[in-house]
Amino acid sequence: MFGIFLELVIGIGVLALLVAMGFAWYVFRQDSGTKEMQEIAGYIKEGAEAFVKRQYTTIAILAVVTAIILFGVYTFVGEPDYAFKTAFAFILGASCSAIAGIVGMYTSVRSNLKTAAAARISTARALKMALLGGAVSGIFVVALSLIGVASIFWLFGADPTKTPFLIVGYAFGASFVALFAQLGGGIYTKAADIGADLVGKVEAGIPEDDPRNPAVIADLVGDNVGDCAGRGADLFESTAAENIGAMILGVALYPVFGINGVLFPLVARAFGLIASIIGIALVNAGDKESPMSALNRGYYITSFLAAIFLYIVTMQMLGNIWFFYAGLVGLVMSILFVFITQYYTEYTYRPVRSIALASTTGHATNIITGFAIALENTALPVLVISVSLFLSYTFGVESGVPHGGLYGTAVATMGMLATAAYILAMDTFGPIADNAGGIAQMSNASEKVRRNTDVLDAAGNTTKALTKGYAVGSAALAAFLLFSAYMDEVSRLTGKVFDTVNIAEVNIFIGALLGAMLVFLFSSFAISAVGSTAGLIIEEVRRQFKDKAIMSGKKKPDYATCVDITAKGALKNMILPGALAILFPIAVGIVLRAEALAAFLMVGTITGILMAIMFNNGGGAWDNAKKYIELGAHGGKGSDAHKAAVVGDTVGDPLKDTAGPSIHVLIKLLATITLVLAPLFI
């Protein structure tokens, strides 16, 4: 049975990769539009590929150094068998994560042109191109994660009760790359976006994506390197880390379920991937149907199929209905997170409209109201997370299986991530649609085409926000899962049961306090990096705008200089927050030891969840308040309300696209780094 399950998982993963390549082949062979569209798309493609090449070269150097350190640490603490295997797993996890991110970016910078060309026919046609382009990334990420974890388990699997502990390095490698990819891409995309918006829309009064704006190409490049490459690496590490964490908890149930309890997470995720592929294939919008209606319908189909598959896999492998109920809790939680995120970020609901209304009285009231909405929106997600953890734990206890409560939370995490491929397809749909709108605007496409891409762009803003909310929710469940795995690892290493963290002890309390502080300091560095890089872009755009030939449209601006400034700023500024996230928990563990590090991890996770929710949905609400006004509300484009909303959007930009997404990577990085380096802290 051991081999059959792994073969099944790898087989489904390979089949999914073939489906993804089929989607890519279908999209790439579609009409490429006008010569002007192809020229603009070429600029975006060239800039994105150049940045990602430079970024991943930097990350590769850092990863090799880290792998050597891991080998040295395990050799130093007397674990020679773990030394090579952990370092090898780390490199493999980092490599697969990098591949997943690069594939997402490669596909998006080609699908954007096909989507813009399809918008000349209809919104429904353009929607299909953008979603299938996004699906390549979504399917590739989940499939590659499954293949990687299953393959390394097979490679190291002489003793299935020890193997999950040996492959923790794979999750750490994925988290390591995801942090730098998300940070670098996030800094890039928001620095360019802010520079383009503040000087273009507010100071010069020209439309978004106007070809006279020298920062526009950098802005469009940023959508790909941040929302596609960065988010692809992010969700890759989510699926890898959570699979491995659940497998570690499955080891505790080995006397009950045998190998089934260890491999269940992989098999459940594989069938969730099948459900996502079917859901994506069934998305077909009517001519007058809103894109979000079609996308939501596909998501509900995916969720329904995922529930059926989860029931079949649970009963076949675990034979206990209570664990299916726990998985169902996670699946319902993901749907609730989608609803909550839509409520706080779509302009059809109160939160966004209240920010738009506040814009009519000035910049300050826009920011005050937006910040209040950002704070408010933490409540419902935290309640949903709390109820989900309680129910899944309770169902696990009701199963009658020893340690069933914790395993119930692991199964809930599997349920939530069952639709990960579909969610990531919707996420990548967003930047593809955004780029298509930019290509249409800059190539002087007809008003009909621009109107079609605007509708897609508005839906894309919502889908990007949904993915961030979904990622935070999964991070919350995964963090508890990985925290429990850390406790198990410490118990294994010490030979003593470690199941209590006494926060009343001074060093433990200090560890907890430092965990909360790290989230704030990390966020500060990430946001400051956007501000300093955006400042350079603003100066360059202002310099070029002094050339009257550019403003009159007689001369093309120098796009390449803005692209280069943004790339250098992003790569330079991603190092400090990334190094802080990796080195600080190690220092805390060495000085204060394992129990204090557990408090550090626990409180840092709680703080990070709240901050990430606040940043992600708050920034999304600011963005769509601007979009709502641009559609004609409160005076429309060029009005005082619009200028206030643009400023509010620029405040929210580094929150929702740099700090927020990076924090939920940080949460899981803290968990994996403490898990993989646990021997150092004993």
Foldseek 3Di string as FASTA:
>chain_A
DLVVLLCVLLVLLVVLLVVLVVLLVVLLPADLADPLLVVLLVLLLVLLVVLLVVLVVVLVVVLLVVLVVQLVLCVVLPNNVLSVLLSVLLVLLLVLLQVLLVLQLNLLSSLLSSLLRLLVPALLSSLLSLLSSLLSSLSSLLSSLLNSVSVSCVVPVPPLLCSLLSNLSSLLNLLLNLLLQQLLLLLQQLLLVLLQLCCPCPVVNHDQLALLFLSNSSNLSSLSSHLGSNVSSLVSSLLNLLLSLQLNLLSVQCVPQNCLSNSLLSSLLSQLSVLQSVLSVPQGDDRPGFSVVSLVSSVVSSLVSSLVSLQVSCCVRPVFVLLSVLLVLLSVLLVVLLVLLCQLFAPVHDLLQVLLVLLLVHQVSSQVSLLVSLLVSLPVNVVSLVVSLVSQLVSLVVSVGVSRSLSSLSSSLSSNCSNSSSLSSLSSSQSSLVSSLSSCNHSVHDPSSNVSSLSSNSSNLSSNLSSLSSLLSSLLSSLSSLLVSLQVLLCVVVVHRRDDQDCVDDLLVVLLVVLLVLLVVLLVLSVVLSVVLSVVSNVVSVVQVVPVCSVVVNDGTNNVVSSVSSSVSSSVSSPVSSCSLQVVLVVSLLVSFDSSSSSSLVNNSVSLSSQLSSLASSLSSLVNSLSVQCVPPPHHRPDSSNSSSSSSNSVSSSSNRNSNSSSSSSSSSSSSSCSSSVSSRD
